[in-house]
Amino acid sequence: MNKENDALNRWKKKINHEHKFLDIGIWDYNFTKDEFYWSEKIYKIFGLNKKQVLTFNQVIDFIHPNNRDNYLITHNEALNKGKGYSINYRILRKDGKERIVSTTTDVLLDQNNQVVRMIGTTIDITNQSYFNQQVLQRAKEISDLFLKVGIWSMDTNSNNILFCSNGIESITGYASLDFQEKRIVWKSIVYQEDIINYFSSMKKLKLGEKVKHSYRIVHKNGEVKWVMEESIPSFDLKGNLIRIDRIVTDITEQKKSEDKMAYLAHHDFLTNLPNRRFFDKELNLLIKSSARSSSHERFAVMCLDMDGFKRVNDTFGHLTGDKLLIEISSRLKQCVSHHNIVARMGGDEFSVILRNISNIDYPISIAKKIISCLEEPFFIEGYELYITTSIGIAISNNKCNEMNHIFKKADNALYRAKEAGKNNYQIYTYTMEKEFFKLYTLERDLRRALKKNEFFIHFQPKVNSKTGQIHSGEALIRWRHHKNGIVSPKEFIPLAEENGIIFQLTDWTFRTVCEQINK
């Protein structure tokens, strides 16, 4: 903020120095203190000799009563929108003289987008010819100090360029005289794809709006550049548009930085594949597009998990694992056409979106291609590494209206593929959903069963076949579900082993058996 204040103060001093003989001045209004800073020329315009600090209401008192309401409406609307404005109005000086002035403003916002200061220029345009010939020429000389900013002004009645700063040449490659002498017109260098939006924004000027927009132009050397243009309309007292002032800034490097940041935000830093954020966004758009389409174009989602990747990581280290992920990504892109999407979701998990699915054969053929491609050995840092993949596939239907819904289906199919021995694909079926819901409820009830004392021990004796005597016995855990009765160990033991509950069941079994033996 100190740097900004220093720059503003230097600007004020420069303007004061440059405009000692012109009826143009600058001002700076501090909302917090309710104080105006006026350059020397504004005091002269308002017919004041003493340099007193004025408040907002004191300045408003100078505005002609017939123009005051319109000024306040324009001012308040600018505050609400956080934008500057340009307006012409009359003032009544204390000596009784009436002057016509043109005020152009801009706003400074805080971090909450609240206006904290306004800066601007006020010009005496009572003598319009003097304004055109002298003030605009001086403004041109000042604008030339800033070579990276192009400033030009156009008389809308004659379409003549009143002035054009040298900064235009550094932005476009064309000299300012090329525009002033109409050897080239601005609209001819606007990039073709942006021309419609450009003219659409220009229409707003006729409605009295200040326009600020970015678009592309074609430099004289053929390079496409991004510019930010701020256009300010000026009207006579009858409301007719008489002049357009434009400030053009080259923002090509800024755009490149923004594009790079956007790319990094939506792509995986290791593999350069789209990341989960990008994948989710595209899948949501695809679902909405499919819902709007009368043909309900179908698509497929594939979830991939690399079998054995953890073993490679643990054996050879993460650096080798990262290089393997890069190679896997490269092969996946070769298997999927460019109009589809391959994304890294995290770790060794990948996802694929296949668009415009006409039948189930297409995703199956892609899955087989991926499995076959990844079965080939990877040669990394002198090691010959092998890895396989399990793939779950879900295909959209007319009822598919949520991203999580179809992704969950593909994930369930992936689970079934891994359960079936890995290195294969499975397509989601409705039966899977019922089975997974059954597994979910079984796991939920399994976690509660210990607290509800639903487990019991079943002792099975071991008998000597020759003597018929019992010489030992087995203690077998059994589960009596509170609703479903006896649950087979074949159902709950594998589930307990998978989710870690097996350790609690083992402790409970040993403790219970010991307690019963001691009775």
Protein backbone atom coordinates (compact mmCIF):
# COMPACT_ATOMS: atom_id res chain seq x y z
CA MET A 1 0.00 0.00 0.00
CA ASN A 2 2.91 2.38 0.71
CA LYS A 3 4.29 1.76 -2.78
CA GLU A 4 0.86 2.54 -4.26
CA ASN A 5 0.64 5.76 -2.25
CA ASP A 6 4.14 6.82 -3.32
CA ALA A 7 3.28 6.14 -6.96
CA LEU A 8 0.04 8.10 -6.63
CA ASN A 9 1.80 11.05 -5.02
CA ARG A 10 4.42 11.10 -7.78
CA TRP A 11 1.59 11.00 -10.32
CA LYS A 12 -0.15 13.94 -8.62
CA LYS A 13 3.03 16.01 -8.68
CA LYS A 14 3.60 15.17 -12.33
CA ILE A 15 0.07 16.13 -13.30
CA ASN A 16 0.32 19.40 -11.37
CA HIS A 17 3.54 20.21 -13.17
CA GLU A 18 2.23 19.25 -16.61
CA HIS A 19 -1.05 21.14 -16.34
CA LYS A 20 -0.07 24.55 -15.06
CA PHE A 21 -1.62 26.17 -18.13
CA LEU A 22 -4.59 23.83 -18.75
CA ASP A 23 -8.06 23.68 -17.16
CA ILE A 24 -7.62 20.09 -16.05
CA GLY A 25 -7.01 18.79 -12.57
CA ILE A 26 -6.91 15.61 -10.56
CA TRP A 27 -8.49 14.68 -7.27
CA ASP A 28 -8.36 11.92 -4.70
CA TYR A 29 -11.23 11.25 -2.27
CA ASN A 30 -10.70 9.28 0.98
CA PHE A 31 -13.98 7.70 2.12
CA THR A 32 -12.77 7.00 5.64
CA LYS A 33 -11.72 10.58 6.34
CA ASP A 34 -14.34 12.19 4.04
CA GLU A 35 -11.61 14.38 2.55
CA PHE A 36 -10.85 15.48 -1.00
CA TYR A 37 -7.35 16.10 -2.27
CA TRP A 38 -7.50 18.66 -5.11
CA SER A 39 -4.74 19.67 -7.47
CA GLU A 40 -4.17 23.39 -7.98
CA LYS A 41 -6.12 23.46 -11.23
CA ILE A 42 -9.35 22.19 -9.65
CA TYR A 43 -9.33 25.08 -7.18
CA LYS A 44 -9.06 27.39 -10.19
CA ILE A 45 -11.93 25.64 -12.00
CA PHE A 46 -14.17 26.00 -8.94
CA GLY A 47 -13.09 29.60 -8.40
CA LEU A 48 -11.57 29.02 -4.98
CA ASN A 49 -8.44 30.81 -3.84
CA LYS A 50 -7.89 29.17 -0.48
CA LYS A 51 -6.69 25.56 -0.51
CA GLN A 52 -9.10 24.16 2.00
CA VAL A 53 -9.83 20.44 2.42
CA LEU A 54 -13.41 19.87 1.32
CA THR A 55 -15.88 17.17 2.31
CA PHE A 56 -18.16 15.32 -0.10
CA ASN A 57 -21.24 17.40 0.78
CA GLN A 58 -19.28 20.64 0.33
CA VAL A 59 -18.30 19.57 -3.19
CA ILE A 60 -21.88 18.56 -4.03
CA ASP A 61 -23.04 22.08 -3.11
CA PHE A 62 -21.10 23.44 -6.10
CA ILE A 63 -23.03 21.27 -8.60
CA HIS A 64 -25.87 23.04 -10.43
CA PRO A 65 -29.24 22.09 -8.86
CA ASN A 66 -30.51 20.84 -12.26
CA ASN A 67 -27.57 18.40 -12.51
CA ARG A 68 -27.16 17.42 -8.86
CA ASP A 69 -29.64 14.54 -8.74
CA ASN A 70 -28.21 12.91 -11.86
CA TYR A 71 -24.70 13.24 -10.47
CA LEU A 72 -25.65 11.61 -7.16
CA ILE A 73 -27.46 8.75 -8.93
CA THR A 74 -24.40 8.09 -11.11
CA HIS A 75 -22.06 8.34 -8.12
CA ASN A 76 -24.08 5.99 -5.89
CA GLU A 77 -24.53 3.44 -8.68
CA ALA A 78 -20.75 3.40 -9.18
CA LEU A 79 -20.23 2.75 -5.46
CA ASN A 80 -22.67 -0.17 -5.50
CA LYS A 81 -20.99 -1.76 -8.53
CA GLY A 82 -17.44 -0.91 -7.45
CA LYS A 83 -16.78 0.72 -10.83
CA GLY A 84 -15.72 4.15 -12.01
CA TYR A 85 -17.75 6.52 -14.19
CA SER A 86 -17.54 9.49 -16.53
CA ILE A 87 -20.03 12.37 -16.40
CA ASN A 88 -20.50 15.95 -17.63
CA TYR A 89 -22.30 18.53 -15.48
CA ARG A 90 -22.48 22.22 -14.60
CA ILE A 91 -21.11 23.90 -11.50
CA LEU A 92 -22.00 27.24 -9.93
CA ARG A 93 -18.98 29.04 -8.54
CA LYS A 94 -19.21 31.46 -5.58
CA ASP A 95 -18.51 34.38 -7.92
CA GLY A 96 -21.74 33.51 -9.78
CA LYS A 97 -20.06 32.11 -12.91
CA GLU A 98 -21.34 28.86 -14.41
CA ARG A 99 -18.87 26.35 -15.87
CA ILE A 100 -19.29 23.01 -17.65
CA VAL A 101 -16.96 20.29 -16.42
CA SER A 102 -16.24 16.66 -17.31
CA THR A 103 -15.30 14.29 -14.50
CA THR A 104 -13.82 10.82 -14.99
CA THR A 105 -13.33 8.57 -11.97
CA ASP A 106 -11.98 5.21 -10.96
CA VAL A 107 -12.28 3.35 -7.66
CA LEU A 108 -9.89 1.57 -5.32
CA LEU A 109 -11.29 -1.48 -3.53
CA ASP A 110 -10.21 -3.19 -0.33
CA GLN A 111 -9.91 -6.96 0.15
CA ASN A 112 -13.68 -7.17 0.69
CA ASN A 113 -14.37 -5.37 -2.62
CA GLN A 114 -15.55 -2.29 -0.75
CA VAL A 115 -14.74 1.14 -2.17
CA VAL A 116 -12.20 2.92 0.04
CA ARG A 117 -10.96 5.65 -2.32
CA MET A 118 -11.86 7.33 -5.58
CA ILE A 119 -9.42 9.04 -7.90
CA GLY A 120 -10.20 11.02 -11.02
CA THR A 121 -9.80 14.02 -13.25
CA THR A 122 -12.01 17.07 -13.65
CA ILE A 123 -11.74 19.12 -16.83
CA ASP A 124 -13.27 22.45 -17.73
CA ILE A 125 -14.95 21.82 -21.11
CA THR A 126 -16.82 25.08 -21.35
CA ASN A 127 -14.68 25.85 -24.38
CA GLN A 128 -14.87 22.50 -26.20
CA SER A 129 -12.45 23.42 -29.02
CA TYR A 130 -9.79 24.41 -26.51
CA PHE A 131 -10.36 21.09 -24.74
CA ASN A 132 -9.90 19.08 -27.92
CA GLN A 133 -6.81 20.88 -29.12
CA GLN A 134 -4.90 21.46 -25.91
CA VAL A 135 -6.02 19.09 -23.17
CA LEU A 136 -6.04 15.98 -25.34
CA GLN A 137 -2.62 16.83 -26.73
CA ARG A 138 -1.24 17.18 -23.21
CA ALA A 139 -2.92 13.94 -22.12
CA LYS A 140 -1.19 12.23 -25.04
CA GLU A 141 2.20 13.49 -23.87
CA ILE A 142 1.57 12.23 -20.34
CA SER A 143 0.31 8.84 -21.52
CA ASP A 144 3.49 8.39 -23.57
CA LEU A 145 5.36 8.12 -20.27
CA PHE A 146 3.77 4.71 -19.86
CA LEU A 147 4.92 2.79 -22.94
CA LYS A 148 3.11 -0.41 -22.05
CA VAL A 149 -0.25 1.35 -21.88
CA GLY A 150 -2.01 2.58 -24.99
CA ILE A 151 -4.42 5.50 -24.64
CA TRP A 152 -6.52 6.84 -27.46
CA SER A 153 -9.59 8.99 -27.84
CA MET A 154 -12.12 9.06 -30.68
CA ASP A 155 -14.64 11.68 -31.74
CA THR A 156 -17.78 9.61 -32.31
CA ASN A 157 -19.34 12.19 -34.67
CA SER A 158 -16.49 12.13 -37.17
CA ASN A 159 -14.90 8.80 -36.13
CA ASN A 160 -11.59 10.64 -36.10
CA ILE A 161 -8.89 9.69 -33.62
CA LEU A 162 -8.28 12.79 -31.51
CA PHE A 163 -5.05 11.40 -30.10
CA CYS A 164 -3.26 8.08 -29.85
CA SER A 165 -0.35 7.41 -27.48
CA ASN A 166 2.93 5.82 -28.48
CA GLY A 167 2.11 2.95 -26.15
CA ILE A 168 -0.22 1.62 -28.85
CA GLU A 169 2.80 0.77 -31.00
CA SER A 170 4.43 -1.42 -28.34
CA ILE A 171 1.15 -3.35 -28.00
CA THR A 172 0.07 -3.68 -31.66
CA GLY A 173 3.26 -3.12 -33.66
CA TYR A 174 1.51 -0.32 -35.60
CA ALA A 175 2.50 3.33 -35.16
CA SER A 176 0.01 5.71 -33.55
CA LEU A 177 -0.13 7.66 -36.85
CA ASP A 178 -1.37 4.51 -38.60
CA PHE A 179 -4.53 4.74 -36.50
CA GLN A 180 -4.82 8.53 -36.51
CA GLU A 181 -4.51 8.73 -40.30
CA LYS A 182 -6.84 5.71 -40.73
CA ARG A 183 -4.29 3.54 -42.50
CA ILE A 184 -5.54 0.84 -40.16
CA VAL A 185 -8.63 0.61 -37.94
CA TRP A 186 -8.69 -1.08 -34.55
CA LYS A 187 -11.43 -3.58 -35.32
CA SER A 188 -9.31 -5.02 -38.17
CA ILE A 189 -6.70 -6.33 -35.70
CA VAL A 190 -9.20 -7.91 -33.27
CA TYR A 191 -8.78 -11.70 -33.29
CA GLN A 192 -11.52 -13.24 -35.44
CA GLU A 193 -12.90 -15.54 -32.72
CA ASP A 194 -13.31 -12.55 -30.35
CA ILE A 195 -14.87 -10.09 -32.80
CA ILE A 196 -18.50 -10.82 -31.84
CA ASN A 197 -17.86 -10.33 -28.11
CA TYR A 198 -15.85 -7.21 -28.90
CA PHE A 199 -18.74 -5.51 -30.73
CA SER A 200 -21.19 -6.72 -28.09
CA SER A 201 -19.19 -4.90 -25.42
CA MET A 202 -18.97 -1.76 -27.56
CA LYS A 203 -22.79 -1.53 -27.68
CA LYS A 204 -22.80 -0.94 -23.93
CA LEU A 205 -20.90 2.34 -24.41
CA LYS A 206 -23.89 3.88 -26.17
CA LEU A 207 -25.94 3.10 -23.06
CA GLY A 208 -23.52 5.10 -20.96
CA GLU A 209 -21.75 2.14 -19.39
CA LYS A 210 -18.04 2.07 -18.76
CA VAL A 211 -16.74 -1.11 -20.42
CA LYS A 212 -13.81 -3.17 -19.21
CA HIS A 213 -13.09 -6.41 -21.02
CA SER A 214 -10.26 -8.57 -22.33
CA TYR A 215 -9.84 -10.02 -25.80
CA ARG A 216 -7.18 -11.00 -28.32
CA ILE A 217 -5.58 -8.96 -31.08
CA VAL A 218 -3.21 -9.87 -33.89
CA HIS A 219 0.13 -8.03 -33.64
CA LYS A 220 1.70 -6.66 -36.79
CA ASN A 221 4.23 -9.52 -36.70
CA GLY A 222 1.39 -12.08 -36.65
CA GLU A 223 1.61 -12.89 -32.94
CA VAL A 224 -1.70 -13.24 -31.07
CA LYS A 225 -1.73 -11.10 -27.92
CA TRP A 226 -4.20 -10.59 -25.09
CA VAL A 227 -5.21 -7.03 -24.17
CA MET A 228 -7.33 -5.50 -21.44
CA GLU A 229 -9.37 -2.55 -22.67
CA GLU A 230 -11.18 0.00 -20.54
CA SER A 231 -13.51 2.27 -22.51
CA ILE A 232 -15.14 5.39 -21.08
CA PRO A 233 -17.96 7.19 -22.93
CA SER A 234 -18.49 10.95 -22.73
CA PHE A 235 -21.80 12.67 -23.49
CA ASP A 236 -22.89 16.24 -24.11
CA LEU A 237 -25.54 17.91 -21.98
CA LYS A 238 -28.24 16.55 -24.32
CA GLY A 239 -27.14 13.00 -23.69
CA ASN A 240 -25.46 12.46 -27.04
CA LEU A 241 -22.31 10.33 -27.17
CA ILE A 242 -19.51 12.61 -28.34
CA ARG A 243 -16.26 10.86 -27.37
CA ILE A 244 -14.86 7.49 -26.35
CA ASP A 245 -11.64 7.31 -24.35
CA ARG A 246 -9.86 3.98 -24.26
CA ILE A 247 -6.99 2.57 -22.20
CA VAL A 248 -5.44 -0.62 -23.61
CA THR A 249 -2.99 -2.79 -21.68
CA ASP A 250 -1.01 -5.79 -22.88
CA ILE A 251 -1.91 -8.69 -20.55
CA THR A 252 -0.40 -11.51 -22.63
CA GLU A 253 2.07 -12.57 -19.93
CA GLN A 254 -0.61 -12.34 -17.27
CA LYS A 255 -2.88 -14.57 -19.35
CA LYS A 256 -0.09 -17.09 -19.81
CA SER A 257 0.43 -17.19 -16.04
CA GLU A 258 -3.30 -17.61 -15.44
CA ASP A 259 -3.50 -20.41 -18.02
CA LYS A 260 -0.51 -22.11 -16.39
CA MET A 261 -2.10 -21.85 -12.93
CA ALA A 262 -5.37 -23.24 -14.30
CA TYR A 263 -3.48 -26.14 -15.90
CA LEU A 264 -1.66 -26.93 -12.65
CA ALA A 265 -4.93 -26.79 -10.71
CA HIS A 266 -6.55 -29.39 -12.98
CA HIS A 267 -3.64 -31.70 -13.83
CA ASP A 268 -1.54 -34.17 -11.90
CA PHE A 269 1.96 -32.78 -11.30
CA LEU A 270 3.67 -36.17 -11.81
CA THR A 271 1.97 -37.65 -14.87
CA ASN A 272 0.46 -34.49 -16.44
CA LEU A 273 -2.82 -36.36 -16.69
CA PRO A 274 -6.05 -34.60 -15.66
CA ASN A 275 -6.54 -34.88 -11.90
CA ARG A 276 -9.63 -35.73 -9.85
CA ARG A 277 -10.88 -32.12 -9.86
CA PHE A 278 -10.81 -32.03 -13.67
CA PHE A 279 -12.34 -35.52 -13.91
CA ASP A 280 -15.23 -34.64 -11.58
CA LYS A 281 -15.92 -31.41 -13.47
CA GLU A 282 -15.99 -33.13 -16.87
CA LEU A 283 -18.13 -35.99 -15.58
CA ASN A 284 -20.66 -33.54 -14.14
CA LEU A 285 -20.81 -31.65 -17.45
CA LEU A 286 -21.24 -34.90 -19.35
CA ILE A 287 -24.10 -36.02 -17.09
CA LYS A 288 -25.90 -32.67 -17.52
CA SER A 289 -25.33 -32.69 -21.27
CA SER A 290 -26.64 -36.23 -21.54
CA ALA A 291 -29.74 -35.31 -19.53
CA ARG A 292 -30.50 -32.35 -21.83
CA SER A 293 -29.96 -34.37 -25.00
CA SER A 294 -33.09 -35.95 -26.46
CA SER A 295 -31.03 -38.96 -27.58
CA HIS A 296 -29.55 -39.42 -24.07
CA GLU A 297 -26.08 -40.20 -25.38
CA ARG A 298 -24.54 -42.90 -23.24
CA PHE A 299 -21.06 -42.89 -21.80
CA ALA A 300 -18.93 -45.19 -19.66
CA VAL A 301 -16.82 -44.66 -16.56
CA MET A 302 -13.92 -46.98 -15.81
CA CYS A 303 -12.09 -47.27 -12.47
CA LEU A 304 -8.59 -48.78 -12.64
CA ASP A 305 -6.39 -50.03 -9.82
CA MET A 306 -2.81 -51.21 -10.40
CA ASP A 307 -2.31 -54.71 -8.97
CA GLY A 308 1.07 -55.11 -7.29
CA PHE A 309 2.08 -51.45 -7.38
CA LYS A 310 2.55 -51.30 -3.61
CA ARG A 311 4.99 -54.17 -3.84
CA VAL A 312 7.08 -52.25 -6.39
CA ASN A 313 7.03 -49.15 -4.19
CA ASP A 314 8.06 -51.09 -1.08
CA THR A 315 10.81 -53.03 -2.90
CA PHE A 316 12.40 -50.40 -5.14
CA GLY A 317 11.39 -47.13 -3.47
CA HIS A 318 9.06 -44.26 -4.31
CA LEU A 319 11.32 -42.78 -6.99
CA THR A 320 11.07 -45.96 -9.05
CA GLY A 321 7.35 -46.10 -8.24
CA ASP A 322 6.89 -42.55 -9.60
CA LYS A 323 8.69 -43.44 -12.82
CA LEU A 324 6.48 -46.50 -13.15
CA LEU A 325 3.35 -44.33 -12.76
CA ILE A 326 4.60 -42.06 -15.54
CA GLU A 327 5.09 -45.08 -17.84
CA ILE A 328 1.65 -46.45 -16.92
CA SER A 329 0.08 -43.08 -17.74
CA SER A 330 1.77 -43.02 -21.12
CA ARG A 331 0.42 -46.46 -22.01
CA LEU A 332 -3.09 -45.60 -20.84
CA LYS A 333 -3.15 -42.54 -23.11
CA GLN A 334 -2.16 -44.76 -26.03
CA CYS A 335 -5.12 -47.05 -25.34
CA VAL A 336 -7.74 -44.28 -25.10
CA SER A 337 -8.51 -41.82 -27.92
CA HIS A 338 -7.90 -38.11 -27.38
CA HIS A 339 -11.59 -37.10 -27.16
CA ASN A 340 -11.98 -39.34 -24.11
CA ILE A 341 -10.42 -38.68 -20.69
CA VAL A 342 -7.78 -40.55 -18.71
CA ALA A 343 -7.23 -39.13 -15.21
CA ARG A 344 -5.04 -39.98 -12.25
CA MET A 345 -7.25 -39.96 -9.16
CA GLY A 346 -4.40 -40.43 -6.69
CA GLY A 347 -1.80 -43.06 -5.81
CA ASP A 348 -2.07 -45.93 -8.29
CA GLU A 349 -5.74 -45.27 -9.06
CA PHE A 350 -6.84 -44.06 -12.49
CA SER A 351 -10.21 -43.35 -14.09
CA VAL A 352 -11.41 -43.17 -17.68
CA ILE A 353 -14.42 -41.51 -19.32
CA LEU A 354 -15.52 -42.98 -22.65
CA ARG A 355 -17.94 -40.74 -24.55
CA ASN A 356 -20.68 -41.67 -27.03
CA ILE A 357 -21.06 -45.34 -26.17
CA SER A 358 -23.24 -47.05 -28.78
CA ASN A 359 -22.98 -50.54 -27.27
CA ILE A 360 -21.27 -52.45 -24.47
CA ASP A 361 -18.63 -53.87 -26.81
CA TYR A 362 -16.68 -50.61 -26.98
CA PRO A 363 -15.76 -50.25 -23.25
CA ILE A 364 -15.03 -53.99 -23.13
CA SER A 365 -12.61 -53.68 -26.04
CA ILE A 366 -10.87 -50.72 -24.36
CA ALA A 367 -10.61 -52.64 -21.07
CA LYS A 368 -9.07 -55.64 -22.83
CA LYS A 369 -6.65 -53.35 -24.67
CA ILE A 370 -5.54 -51.72 -21.39
CA ILE A 371 -5.08 -55.05 -19.61
CA SER A 372 -3.02 -56.43 -22.50
CA CYS A 373 -0.94 -53.26 -22.77
CA LEU A 374 -0.04 -53.18 -19.07
CA GLU A 375 0.89 -56.86 -19.01
CA GLU A 376 3.99 -56.04 -21.07
CA PRO A 377 7.09 -55.53 -18.86
CA PHE A 378 8.26 -52.07 -17.81
CA PHE A 379 12.01 -51.41 -17.98
CA ILE A 380 12.93 -48.82 -15.36
CA GLU A 381 16.42 -48.11 -14.00
CA GLY A 382 17.68 -51.52 -15.16
CA TYR A 383 14.77 -53.40 -13.56
CA GLU A 384 12.21 -55.44 -15.46
CA LEU A 385 8.96 -54.72 -13.67
CA TYR A 386 5.60 -56.41 -14.13
CA ILE A 387 2.25 -55.05 -13.10
CA THR A 388 -1.38 -55.80 -13.89
CA THR A 389 -4.62 -53.89 -13.55
CA SER A 390 -8.16 -54.50 -12.35
CA ILE A 391 -10.93 -52.53 -14.07
CA GLY A 392 -14.49 -51.73 -13.07
CA ILE A 393 -16.88 -50.44 -15.73
CA ALA A 394 -20.20 -48.61 -15.35
CA ILE A 395 -22.33 -47.48 -18.28
CA SER A 396 -24.74 -44.56 -18.00
CA ASN A 397 -28.47 -44.82 -18.47
CA ASN A 398 -31.42 -42.43 -18.49
CA LYS A 399 -31.62 -42.53 -14.70
CA CYS A 400 -27.98 -41.53 -14.26
CA ASN A 401 -28.18 -37.94 -13.01
CA GLU A 402 -25.49 -37.82 -10.32
CA MET A 403 -21.73 -38.10 -10.61
CA ASN A 404 -21.35 -40.08 -7.38
CA HIS A 405 -23.96 -42.58 -8.53
CA ILE A 406 -22.20 -43.78 -11.67
CA PHE A 407 -18.73 -43.50 -10.13
CA LYS A 408 -19.84 -45.68 -7.22
CA LYS A 409 -21.09 -48.28 -9.69
CA ALA A 410 -17.71 -48.37 -11.46
CA ASP A 411 -15.95 -48.62 -8.10
CA ASN A 412 -18.18 -51.52 -7.04
CA ALA A 413 -17.38 -53.29 -10.31
CA LEU A 414 -13.65 -52.70 -9.62
CA TYR A 415 -14.04 -54.33 -6.21
CA ARG A 416 -15.61 -57.35 -7.85
CA ALA A 417 -12.76 -57.50 -10.43
CA LYS A 418 -10.15 -57.59 -7.64
CA GLU A 419 -12.18 -60.14 -5.74
CA ALA A 420 -12.29 -62.31 -8.86
CA GLY A 421 -8.51 -62.64 -8.94
CA LYS A 422 -7.32 -59.28 -10.35
CA ASN A 423 -5.98 -58.60 -13.86
CA ASN A 424 -9.50 -58.62 -15.29
CA TYR A 425 -12.48 -56.35 -15.84
CA GLN A 426 -16.01 -56.45 -14.50
CA ILE A 427 -19.09 -54.57 -15.71
CA TYR A 428 -21.49 -53.24 -13.11
CA THR A 429 -24.78 -55.10 -12.77
CA TYR A 430 -27.77 -54.48 -10.55
CA THR A 431 -26.99 -57.73 -8.73
CA MET A 432 -23.72 -56.18 -7.54
CA GLU A 433 -25.62 -53.33 -5.92
CA LYS A 434 -27.75 -55.74 -3.91
CA GLU A 435 -24.70 -57.77 -2.94
CA PHE A 436 -22.75 -54.68 -1.87
CA PHE A 437 -25.68 -53.45 0.19
CA LYS A 438 -25.81 -56.84 1.84
CA LEU A 439 -22.08 -56.64 2.56
CA TYR A 440 -22.52 -53.12 3.93
CA THR A 441 -25.26 -54.13 6.36
CA LEU A 442 -23.36 -57.29 7.34
CA GLU A 443 -20.20 -55.30 8.13
CA ARG A 444 -22.20 -52.71 10.06
CA ASP A 445 -23.91 -55.40 12.16
CA LEU A 446 -20.62 -57.28 12.59
CA ARG A 447 -19.07 -54.24 14.29
CA ARG A 448 -22.02 -54.08 16.68
CA ALA A 449 -22.25 -57.82 17.36
CA LEU A 450 -19.50 -57.90 20.02
CA LYS A 451 -21.20 -55.19 22.07
CA LYS A 452 -24.53 -57.01 21.78
CA ASN A 453 -23.00 -60.36 22.86
CA GLU A 454 -24.25 -62.07 19.70
CA PHE A 455 -21.19 -64.37 19.39
CA PHE A 456 -20.96 -67.73 21.10
CA ILE A 457 -18.55 -70.68 21.17
CA HIS A 458 -19.41 -74.03 19.67
CA PHE A 459 -17.13 -76.86 20.92
CA GLN A 460 -16.47 -79.68 18.46
CA PRO A 461 -14.84 -82.80 19.97
CA LYS A 462 -12.06 -84.76 18.29
CA VAL A 463 -12.55 -88.52 18.72
CA ASN A 464 -10.00 -91.32 18.40
CA SER A 465 -11.49 -93.58 15.72
CA LYS A 466 -9.88 -96.70 17.17
CA THR A 467 -10.82 -96.25 20.83
CA GLY A 468 -13.84 -94.04 20.47
CA GLN A 469 -12.49 -91.73 23.19
CA ILE A 470 -12.52 -87.91 23.02
CA HIS A 471 -8.92 -86.72 23.20
CA SER A 472 -9.30 -83.01 22.32
CA GLY A 473 -11.71 -80.44 20.90
CA GLU A 474 -12.00 -77.40 18.69
CA ALA A 475 -13.51 -74.08 19.79
CA LEU A 476 -15.47 -72.61 16.90
CA ILE A 477 -16.89 -69.08 16.97
CA ARG A 478 -20.46 -68.65 15.84
CA TRP A 479 -22.66 -65.58 15.26
CA ARG A 480 -26.35 -65.47 16.15
CA HIS A 481 -27.62 -62.35 14.34
CA HIS A 482 -30.39 -60.54 16.24
CA LYS A 483 -32.67 -60.64 13.16
CA ASN A 484 -31.31 -63.17 10.69
CA GLY A 485 -30.36 -65.96 13.08
CA ILE A 486 -27.14 -67.98 12.60
CA VAL A 487 -24.72 -66.39 10.10
CA SER A 488 -22.36 -68.76 8.32
CA PRO A 489 -18.66 -68.35 9.19
CA LYS A 490 -18.01 -68.39 5.43
CA GLU A 491 -19.80 -65.03 5.27
CA PHE A 492 -18.51 -63.12 8.28
CA ILE A 493 -14.94 -64.48 8.78
CA PRO A 494 -13.59 -63.21 5.39
CA LEU A 495 -15.32 -59.89 6.04
CA ALA A 496 -13.77 -59.65 9.51
CA GLU A 497 -10.34 -60.40 8.06
CA GLU A 498 -10.75 -57.69 5.44
CA ASN A 499 -11.78 -54.88 7.75
CA GLY A 500 -9.57 -55.80 10.76
CA ILE A 501 -12.36 -56.92 13.11
CA ILE A 502 -10.76 -60.39 13.11
CA PHE A 503 -8.30 -59.27 15.80
CA GLN A 504 -11.11 -58.35 18.18
CA LEU A 505 -12.89 -61.64 17.44
CA THR A 506 -9.68 -63.59 18.13
CA ASP A 507 -9.19 -61.88 21.50
CA TRP A 508 -12.82 -62.50 22.43
CA THR A 509 -12.57 -66.19 21.41
CA PHE A 510 -9.44 -66.91 23.50
CA ARG A 511 -10.84 -65.10 26.50
CA THR A 512 -14.23 -66.82 26.32
CA VAL A 513 -12.75 -70.31 25.83
CA CYS A 514 -10.41 -69.85 28.82
CA GLU A 515 -13.26 -68.65 30.99
CA GLN A 516 -15.41 -71.67 30.09
CA ILE A 517 -12.54 -74.17 30.67
CA ASN A 518 -12.01 -72.77 34.17
CA LYS A 519 -15.64 -73.29 35.16
